N, C-alpha and C. Protein backbone atom coordinates (compact mmCIF):
# COMPACT_ATOMS: atom_id res chain seq x y z
N MET A 1 96.65 -30.16 62.89
CA MET A 1 96.99 -30.83 62.07
C MET A 1 95.99 -30.47 60.43
N ARG A 2 96.77 -30.14 59.95
CA ARG A 2 96.21 -29.61 58.30
C ARG A 2 96.55 -30.64 57.51
N PHE A 3 94.96 -31.26 57.02
CA PHE A 3 94.98 -31.90 55.86
C PHE A 3 95.09 -31.41 54.11
N SER A 4 95.68 -32.28 53.68
CA SER A 4 95.68 -31.55 52.30
C SER A 4 93.96 -32.26 51.24
N ALA A 5 93.52 -31.76 50.19
CA ALA A 5 92.61 -31.96 49.53
C ALA A 5 92.49 -33.43 49.58
N LEU A 6 93.22 -33.72 49.02
CA LEU A 6 93.41 -35.66 49.14
C LEU A 6 93.20 -36.25 50.21
N ASP A 7 93.83 -35.79 51.71
CA ASP A 7 93.61 -36.45 52.56
C ASP A 7 92.10 -36.31 52.96
N LYS A 8 91.39 -35.65 52.29
CA LYS A 8 90.20 -34.95 53.13
C LYS A 8 89.44 -35.94 52.39
N LEU A 9 89.49 -36.13 50.74
CA LEU A 9 89.12 -37.11 50.07
C LEU A 9 89.17 -38.57 50.42
N GLY A 10 89.98 -38.92 51.02
CA GLY A 10 90.30 -40.24 51.72
C GLY A 10 89.68 -40.08 52.72
N PHE A 11 89.25 -38.99 53.35
CA PHE A 11 88.48 -39.31 55.08
C PHE A 11 86.83 -39.62 54.31
N VAL A 12 86.58 -38.87 53.10
CA VAL A 12 85.27 -39.33 52.93
C VAL A 12 85.11 -40.70 52.55
N PHE A 13 85.80 -40.72 51.46
CA PHE A 13 85.84 -42.34 51.08
C PHE A 13 85.90 -43.37 52.45
N ALA A 14 86.94 -43.16 53.33
CA ALA A 14 86.89 -44.38 54.40
C ALA A 14 85.71 -44.60 55.24
N ASP A 15 85.22 -42.66 55.24
CA ASP A 15 84.00 -42.90 56.36
C ASP A 15 82.80 -43.28 55.87
N VAL A 16 82.49 -43.44 54.25
CA VAL A 16 81.94 -43.79 54.02
C VAL A 16 81.86 -45.54 53.59
N THR A 17 82.64 -45.97 53.37
CA THR A 17 82.75 -47.27 53.71
C THR A 17 82.72 -48.17 55.00
N ALA A 18 83.30 -47.43 56.01
CA ALA A 18 83.02 -47.69 57.16
C ALA A 18 81.75 -47.60 57.72
N GLU A 19 80.74 -46.79 57.32
CA GLU A 19 79.05 -46.41 57.63
C GLU A 19 78.72 -47.81 56.68
N ILE A 20 78.84 -47.88 55.61
CA ILE A 20 78.15 -48.85 55.02
C ILE A 20 78.11 -50.42 55.64
N VAL A 21 79.46 -50.57 55.62
CA VAL A 21 80.05 -51.43 56.17
C VAL A 21 78.88 -51.96 58.11
N SER A 22 79.06 -50.94 58.59
CA SER A 22 78.20 -51.23 59.52
C SER A 22 77.35 -51.30 59.42
N THR A 23 76.40 -50.61 58.55
CA THR A 23 75.02 -50.22 58.49
C THR A 23 74.15 -52.03 57.80
N ILE A 24 74.95 -52.32 56.70
CA ILE A 24 74.53 -53.48 56.37
C ILE A 24 75.14 -55.07 56.69
N ALA A 25 76.43 -54.85 57.62
CA ALA A 25 76.54 -56.07 58.32
C ALA A 25 76.46 -56.09 59.73
N GLY A 26 76.87 -54.60 60.44
CA GLY A 26 77.18 -54.48 61.41
C GLY A 26 78.67 -54.95 62.32
N LEU A 27 79.37 -54.35 61.19
CA LEU A 27 80.74 -54.97 61.68
C LEU A 27 81.67 -53.66 61.69
N SER A 28 82.54 -53.20 62.78
CA SER A 28 82.95 -51.83 62.76
C SER A 28 84.51 -51.87 62.08
N LEU A 29 84.74 -50.94 61.21
CA LEU A 29 85.85 -50.58 60.73
C LEU A 29 86.25 -49.26 61.07
N ALA A 30 87.95 -49.46 61.28
CA ALA A 30 88.35 -47.70 61.26
C ALA A 30 89.74 -47.91 60.50
N ILE A 31 90.25 -46.51 60.43
CA ILE A 31 91.61 -46.86 59.61
C ILE A 31 92.70 -47.02 60.39
N ALA A 32 93.25 -47.99 59.55
CA ALA A 32 94.32 -48.77 60.41
C ALA A 32 95.43 -48.22 59.60
N SER A 33 95.71 -47.57 58.38
CA SER A 33 96.72 -47.09 58.01
C SER A 33 96.49 -46.58 56.94
N SER A 34 97.43 -45.58 56.01
CA SER A 34 97.08 -44.80 55.00
C SER A 34 98.47 -45.23 54.01
N ASP A 35 98.51 -46.63 53.75
CA ASP A 35 99.48 -46.90 53.13
C ASP A 35 99.53 -47.07 51.46
N GLN A 36 100.57 -46.39 50.83
CA GLN A 36 100.36 -46.32 49.25
C GLN A 36 100.88 -47.29 48.55
N ASP A 37 101.38 -48.74 49.21
CA ASP A 37 101.86 -49.80 48.32
C ASP A 37 100.80 -49.96 47.29
N GLY A 38 101.12 -51.08 46.19
CA GLY A 38 100.65 -51.44 45.29
C GLY A 38 99.51 -52.54 45.23
N GLY A 39 99.78 -53.40 46.72
CA GLY A 39 99.25 -54.60 46.56
C GLY A 39 97.95 -54.35 47.11
N PHE A 40 96.88 -55.97 46.95
CA PHE A 40 95.38 -55.78 46.74
C PHE A 40 95.62 -57.02 47.71
N TYR A 41 94.60 -57.61 48.41
CA TYR A 41 94.18 -58.79 48.83
C TYR A 41 93.60 -59.52 47.50
N GLU A 42 93.24 -60.90 47.69
CA GLU A 42 92.71 -61.57 46.16
C GLU A 42 91.22 -61.39 46.00
N MET A 43 90.48 -60.77 46.63
CA MET A 43 89.06 -60.28 45.77
C MET A 43 89.58 -58.61 45.75
N VAL A 44 89.33 -58.06 44.63
CA VAL A 44 88.87 -56.70 44.15
C VAL A 44 87.93 -56.26 43.38
N GLY A 45 87.11 -55.31 43.89
CA GLY A 45 85.88 -54.79 43.47
C GLY A 45 86.32 -53.36 42.93
N ALA A 46 85.79 -52.93 41.72
CA ALA A 46 86.55 -51.80 41.22
C ALA A 46 85.00 -51.39 40.70
N MET A 47 85.44 -49.88 40.27
CA MET A 47 84.49 -48.88 39.62
C MET A 47 85.28 -47.89 39.53
N GLN A 48 85.29 -47.60 37.74
CA GLN A 48 85.42 -46.14 37.26
C GLN A 48 84.98 -44.94 37.82
N LEU A 49 85.53 -44.07 37.79
CA LEU A 49 84.98 -42.92 38.27
C LEU A 49 85.10 -41.85 37.01
N SER A 50 83.78 -41.60 36.47
CA SER A 50 84.52 -40.41 35.23
C SER A 50 83.59 -39.04 35.81
N GLY A 51 84.31 -38.16 34.82
CA GLY A 51 83.84 -36.70 35.19
C GLY A 51 85.23 -36.20 35.21
N LYS A 52 84.74 -34.86 35.36
CA LYS A 52 85.89 -33.37 35.41
C LYS A 52 87.28 -34.51 36.48
N ASN A 53 86.18 -35.42 37.75
CA ASN A 53 87.39 -35.80 37.78
C ASN A 53 87.54 -37.39 38.25
N SER A 54 88.14 -37.85 36.77
CA SER A 54 88.55 -39.14 36.57
C SER A 54 88.93 -40.28 37.23
N GLY A 55 89.52 -41.33 37.76
CA GLY A 55 89.31 -42.15 38.22
C GLY A 55 89.14 -43.54 38.74
N THR A 56 89.62 -44.61 39.70
CA THR A 56 89.37 -45.78 39.59
C THR A 56 89.22 -45.81 40.89
N LEU A 57 88.00 -46.36 41.86
CA LEU A 57 88.07 -46.85 43.13
C LEU A 57 87.97 -48.52 43.60
N PHE A 58 88.88 -48.31 44.38
CA PHE A 58 88.96 -50.49 44.47
C PHE A 58 89.03 -50.53 45.71
N ILE A 59 88.29 -51.69 46.10
CA ILE A 59 88.11 -52.14 47.39
C ILE A 59 88.48 -53.37 47.16
N SER A 60 89.64 -53.98 48.30
CA SER A 60 90.13 -55.25 48.17
C SER A 60 89.68 -55.89 49.59
N ALA A 61 89.84 -57.48 49.59
CA ALA A 61 89.47 -57.79 50.80
C ALA A 61 90.37 -59.70 50.70
N ARG A 62 90.77 -60.27 51.78
CA ARG A 62 90.88 -61.30 51.55
C ARG A 62 89.71 -62.29 51.74
N GLU A 63 89.53 -63.56 50.87
CA GLU A 63 88.03 -64.54 51.17
C GLU A 63 87.52 -64.73 52.10
N ALA A 64 88.80 -64.89 52.97
CA ALA A 64 87.94 -65.31 54.55
C ALA A 64 87.21 -64.46 55.13
N ASP A 65 87.57 -63.20 55.15
CA ASP A 65 86.93 -61.90 56.03
C ASP A 65 85.86 -61.70 55.15
N PHE A 66 86.14 -61.81 53.70
CA PHE A 66 84.79 -61.26 52.88
C PHE A 66 83.58 -62.39 53.04
N ARG A 67 84.02 -63.50 53.09
CA ARG A 67 82.96 -64.65 53.77
C ARG A 67 82.10 -64.64 54.87
N ALA A 68 83.15 -63.79 56.11
CA ALA A 68 82.35 -63.49 56.81
C ALA A 68 81.85 -61.96 56.80
N PHE A 69 82.06 -61.16 56.10
CA PHE A 69 81.30 -59.93 55.88
C PHE A 69 79.74 -60.65 55.46
N CYS A 70 79.73 -61.19 53.90
CA CYS A 70 78.65 -61.20 53.81
C CYS A 70 77.65 -62.55 54.84
N SER A 71 78.26 -63.59 55.54
CA SER A 71 77.85 -64.13 56.49
C SER A 71 77.29 -62.90 57.66
N ALA A 72 77.78 -62.57 57.67
CA ALA A 72 76.94 -61.37 58.69
C ALA A 72 76.22 -60.27 58.31
N MET A 73 76.44 -60.08 56.96
CA MET A 73 75.19 -59.28 56.08
C MET A 73 74.03 -60.21 55.88
N THR A 74 73.74 -61.41 55.50
CA THR A 74 72.99 -62.35 54.96
C THR A 74 72.43 -62.81 56.03
N GLY A 75 73.16 -63.09 57.07
CA GLY A 75 72.87 -63.84 57.98
C GLY A 75 72.68 -65.60 57.67
N VAL A 76 73.30 -65.64 56.66
CA VAL A 76 73.45 -67.23 56.19
C VAL A 76 75.05 -67.64 56.76
N ALA A 77 74.87 -68.76 57.32
CA ALA A 77 75.91 -69.64 57.83
C ALA A 77 77.36 -69.01 56.79
N ASP A 78 78.55 -69.02 57.51
CA ASP A 78 79.98 -69.02 56.04
C ASP A 78 79.60 -70.12 55.54
N SER A 79 79.59 -71.57 55.90
CA SER A 79 79.98 -72.39 55.08
C SER A 79 78.84 -72.37 53.89
N GLU A 80 77.57 -71.97 54.21
CA GLU A 80 76.72 -71.73 52.99
C GLU A 80 77.08 -70.42 52.02
N VAL A 81 77.76 -69.58 52.07
CA VAL A 81 77.87 -68.15 51.24
C VAL A 81 79.04 -68.64 50.37
N THR A 82 78.42 -68.75 49.29
CA THR A 82 79.17 -69.35 47.68
C THR A 82 79.84 -67.54 47.04
N LYS A 83 81.01 -68.49 45.79
CA LYS A 83 82.03 -67.53 45.96
C LYS A 83 80.86 -66.18 44.49
N GLU A 84 79.65 -66.99 44.39
CA GLU A 84 78.86 -66.05 43.48
C GLU A 84 78.59 -64.96 44.84
N ASP A 85 78.08 -65.49 45.52
CA ASP A 85 77.38 -64.46 47.16
C ASP A 85 78.38 -63.51 47.12
N MET A 86 79.97 -63.74 47.32
CA MET A 86 80.92 -63.10 47.95
C MET A 86 81.01 -61.86 46.46
N ASP A 87 81.29 -62.63 45.37
CA ASP A 87 81.63 -61.07 44.23
C ASP A 87 80.36 -60.44 44.38
N ASP A 88 78.66 -60.91 44.37
CA ASP A 88 77.88 -59.93 44.12
C ASP A 88 78.35 -59.42 45.66
N ALA A 89 78.28 -59.38 46.33
CA ALA A 89 78.50 -58.47 47.54
C ALA A 89 79.30 -57.48 47.48
N LEU A 90 80.59 -57.94 46.66
CA LEU A 90 81.96 -57.29 46.67
C LEU A 90 81.62 -55.97 45.78
N CYS A 91 80.73 -56.26 44.54
CA CYS A 91 80.21 -55.22 43.47
C CYS A 91 79.45 -54.64 44.41
N GLU A 92 78.54 -54.95 45.07
CA GLU A 92 77.10 -54.15 45.66
C GLU A 92 78.21 -52.85 46.32
N LEU A 93 78.60 -53.58 47.16
CA LEU A 93 79.48 -52.73 48.27
C LEU A 93 79.91 -51.64 47.79
N VAL A 94 81.27 -51.83 46.65
CA VAL A 94 81.99 -51.04 45.68
C VAL A 94 80.58 -49.59 45.14
N ASN A 95 79.82 -50.31 44.71
CA ASN A 95 78.31 -49.51 44.31
C ASN A 95 77.77 -48.70 45.38
N MET A 96 77.65 -49.09 46.60
CA MET A 96 77.26 -48.14 47.57
C MET A 96 78.20 -47.16 47.73
N VAL A 97 79.39 -47.67 48.01
CA VAL A 97 80.46 -46.56 48.73
C VAL A 97 80.52 -45.54 47.47
N ALA A 98 81.02 -45.50 46.18
CA ALA A 98 81.13 -44.72 45.10
C ALA A 98 79.57 -44.25 45.23
N GLY A 99 78.54 -44.64 45.24
CA GLY A 99 77.27 -43.85 45.22
C GLY A 99 77.21 -42.76 46.03
N ASN A 100 77.59 -43.40 47.94
CA ASN A 100 77.70 -42.55 48.81
C ASN A 100 78.68 -41.53 48.72
N ALA A 101 79.64 -41.56 48.44
CA ALA A 101 80.72 -40.89 48.01
C ALA A 101 80.46 -39.43 47.36
N LYS A 102 79.72 -39.99 46.08
CA LYS A 102 79.26 -39.04 45.33
C LYS A 102 78.11 -38.33 45.55
N LEU A 103 77.42 -38.86 46.11
CA LEU A 103 76.22 -38.06 47.31
C LEU A 103 77.01 -36.56 48.08
N ARG A 104 78.28 -37.16 48.66
CA ARG A 104 78.39 -35.93 49.81
C ARG A 104 79.52 -35.44 48.79
N LEU A 105 80.28 -35.81 47.94
CA LEU A 105 81.07 -34.63 47.47
C LEU A 105 80.42 -34.39 45.84
N GLY A 106 78.98 -33.89 45.82
CA GLY A 106 78.00 -33.80 44.61
C GLY A 106 78.34 -32.12 44.54
N ASN A 107 78.42 -31.25 45.03
CA ASN A 107 78.37 -30.07 44.91
C ASN A 107 80.01 -29.58 45.25
N THR A 108 80.79 -30.21 44.87
CA THR A 108 81.85 -30.07 45.34
C THR A 108 82.80 -29.91 44.29
N ALA A 109 84.26 -29.43 44.21
CA ALA A 109 85.20 -29.25 43.15
C ALA A 109 85.20 -30.78 42.49
N TYR A 110 84.70 -32.06 43.41
CA TYR A 110 85.81 -33.25 43.50
C TYR A 110 84.41 -34.33 42.93
N SER A 111 83.42 -33.62 42.41
CA SER A 111 82.22 -34.69 41.80
C SER A 111 82.69 -35.42 40.96
N PHE A 112 81.96 -36.22 40.95
CA PHE A 112 82.07 -37.48 39.77
C PHE A 112 80.90 -38.41 39.12
N ASN A 113 81.01 -39.25 38.07
CA ASN A 113 79.98 -40.01 37.83
C ASN A 113 80.34 -41.64 37.99
N LEU A 114 78.93 -42.00 38.00
CA LEU A 114 79.62 -43.61 38.38
C LEU A 114 79.34 -44.58 37.08
N THR A 115 80.07 -45.57 37.15
CA THR A 115 79.94 -46.98 36.30
C THR A 115 79.75 -48.33 36.43
N THR A 116 79.30 -48.46 35.89
CA THR A 116 79.20 -50.59 36.60
C THR A 116 80.57 -50.81 37.42
N PRO A 117 80.20 -51.28 38.56
CA PRO A 117 81.44 -52.39 39.23
C PRO A 117 81.65 -53.11 38.80
N PHE A 118 82.90 -53.42 38.91
CA PHE A 118 83.49 -55.11 38.07
C PHE A 118 84.78 -55.21 39.30
N LEU A 119 84.88 -56.89 38.89
CA LEU A 119 85.86 -57.53 39.89
C LEU A 119 87.11 -58.03 39.25
N LEU A 120 88.26 -57.96 39.91
CA LEU A 120 89.65 -58.46 39.57
C LEU A 120 89.80 -59.47 40.79
N LYS A 121 90.39 -60.90 39.87
CA LYS A 121 90.30 -61.87 41.16
C LYS A 121 91.88 -62.47 41.00
N GLY A 122 92.44 -62.98 41.93
CA GLY A 122 93.97 -63.50 42.21
C GLY A 122 94.53 -63.04 42.61
N LYS A 123 95.60 -64.25 42.90
CA LYS A 123 96.90 -63.88 43.96
C LYS A 123 97.78 -63.00 43.52
N SER A 124 98.68 -62.46 44.51
CA SER A 124 99.26 -61.35 44.39
C SER A 124 98.87 -60.27 43.32
N LEU A 125 98.12 -59.68 43.37
CA LEU A 125 97.34 -58.26 42.98
C LEU A 125 98.28 -57.13 43.04
N SER A 126 98.76 -56.72 42.00
CA SER A 126 99.42 -55.62 42.88
C SER A 126 99.02 -53.84 41.46
N LEU A 127 99.28 -53.10 41.53
CA LEU A 127 99.09 -51.99 40.79
C LEU A 127 99.94 -51.03 40.33
N SER A 128 100.41 -50.61 39.37
CA SER A 128 101.50 -49.73 39.27
C SER A 128 101.33 -48.53 38.48
N THR A 129 101.68 -47.15 39.13
CA THR A 129 100.87 -46.36 38.61
C THR A 129 102.34 -44.97 38.24
N LYS A 130 102.04 -44.10 37.27
CA LYS A 130 103.18 -43.04 37.03
C LYS A 130 103.42 -42.78 38.31
N LYS A 131 104.41 -41.88 38.65
CA LYS A 131 104.76 -40.85 39.82
C LYS A 131 103.98 -39.66 39.42
N ARG A 132 103.53 -39.40 41.04
CA ARG A 132 102.61 -37.77 40.89
C ARG A 132 101.20 -38.36 40.42
N ILE A 133 100.88 -39.16 40.34
CA ILE A 133 99.13 -39.50 40.18
C ILE A 133 98.62 -39.63 41.74
N PRO A 134 97.79 -39.10 41.89
CA PRO A 134 96.71 -38.57 43.10
C PRO A 134 96.70 -40.03 43.59
N ILE A 135 96.66 -40.50 44.58
CA ILE A 135 96.33 -41.70 44.95
C ILE A 135 95.74 -41.45 46.51
N ILE A 136 94.66 -42.45 46.85
CA ILE A 136 94.22 -42.04 48.57
C ILE A 136 94.38 -43.88 48.44
N ALA A 137 94.73 -44.10 49.63
CA ALA A 137 95.13 -45.47 49.85
C ALA A 137 94.88 -45.79 51.53
N ARG A 138 93.77 -46.13 51.72
CA ARG A 138 93.55 -46.50 53.79
C ARG A 138 93.39 -48.46 53.44
N THR A 139 94.06 -48.77 54.46
CA THR A 139 93.47 -50.05 55.08
C THR A 139 92.44 -49.85 56.08
N LEU A 140 91.75 -50.44 55.84
CA LEU A 140 90.44 -50.09 57.09
C LEU A 140 90.19 -51.83 58.06
N ALA A 141 90.40 -51.59 58.79
CA ALA A 141 90.32 -53.13 59.84
C ALA A 141 89.73 -52.68 60.83
N GLY A 142 88.83 -54.12 61.54
CA GLY A 142 88.25 -54.35 62.16
C GLY A 142 88.16 -55.90 62.87
N ALA A 143 87.58 -56.07 63.67
CA ALA A 143 88.01 -57.62 64.33
C ALA A 143 87.51 -58.53 63.17
N GLU A 144 86.59 -58.61 62.40
CA GLU A 144 86.46 -59.31 61.45
C GLU A 144 86.90 -59.34 60.41
N LEU A 145 86.95 -58.02 59.77
CA LEU A 145 87.30 -57.50 58.93
C LEU A 145 88.20 -56.70 58.17
N THR A 146 89.22 -56.65 57.10
CA THR A 146 89.94 -55.81 56.38
C THR A 146 89.97 -55.53 55.42
N LEU A 147 90.01 -54.34 54.90
CA LEU A 147 89.50 -53.89 54.05
C LEU A 147 90.68 -52.59 53.40
N LYS A 148 91.15 -53.01 51.85
CA LYS A 148 92.22 -51.92 51.13
C LYS A 148 91.55 -51.52 50.56
N LEU A 149 91.03 -49.65 50.50
CA LEU A 149 90.80 -48.99 49.64
C LEU A 149 91.43 -48.15 49.28
N LYS A 150 91.55 -48.02 47.88
CA LYS A 150 92.48 -47.11 47.11
C LYS A 150 91.43 -46.23 45.77
N VAL A 151 91.86 -45.16 45.70
CA VAL A 151 91.28 -44.33 44.93
C VAL A 151 92.38 -43.61 44.06
N ILE A 152 92.32 -44.04 42.59
CA ILE A 152 93.56 -43.82 41.97
C ILE A 152 93.04 -42.39 40.54
N PHE A 153 93.36 -41.15 40.72
CA PHE A 153 93.07 -40.41 40.02
C PHE A 153 93.56 -40.22 38.59
N SER A 154 92.93 -40.14 37.39
CA SER A 154 93.57 -40.10 36.23
C SER A 154 93.41 -38.41 36.11
N GLN A 155 92.17 -37.61 36.24
CA GLN A 155 92.33 -36.40 36.60
C GLN A 155 92.24 -36.06 37.99
N TYR A 156 92.76 -34.93 38.48
CA TYR A 156 91.94 -34.62 39.73
C TYR A 156 92.46 -32.71 39.69
N PRO A 157 91.80 -31.88 40.17
CA PRO A 157 91.82 -30.79 40.18
C PRO A 157 93.26 -29.74 40.67
C-alpha cells in the first residue's frame, strides 16, 4: 500500500502521541480510525505550528478518560485529580507531541516551529475548514484512553 506524504505525517504524529502516552502514563494507544469529522471531545489542547508548514495541532479527550490518564501519569487517585491538573497535563501532552514531532521532522520539508500550547473547552466543539485544506485526523484508542488527534495545515508543501 502506498501512503501519501500527508498520511506519512499522520503516522509521525500518531506514533509520537502513542509513544509519549505509553512512556509517561503506561497506557497503550493504537490508531482506531482516520476520521475527518469536525468533532472534538470536551477537552482540547492545541498549539500553533509556525514556519514553512504552518498549521495547528489539536489533541482532544473526554474528561473522564483524561482524568484516568492523569491518575496513571501521576499516581494520584482519580478522585484527587483536579481540573487544573488535567489542564496542565493536556497542555504538556500537546507540547511533548509537538516537540517530538518537530525533532522527527526537523531535517525534512515538513519542519515547523513551536508556540505556546493552549486549551479549548466546552461541549459539542467542532471545527470547520475550507475545502482542500490538508488535515491529518486520527483517533487513538486504548483500554483506558481515547484521544482525537488533528493537525490542520494552513501552509503545506
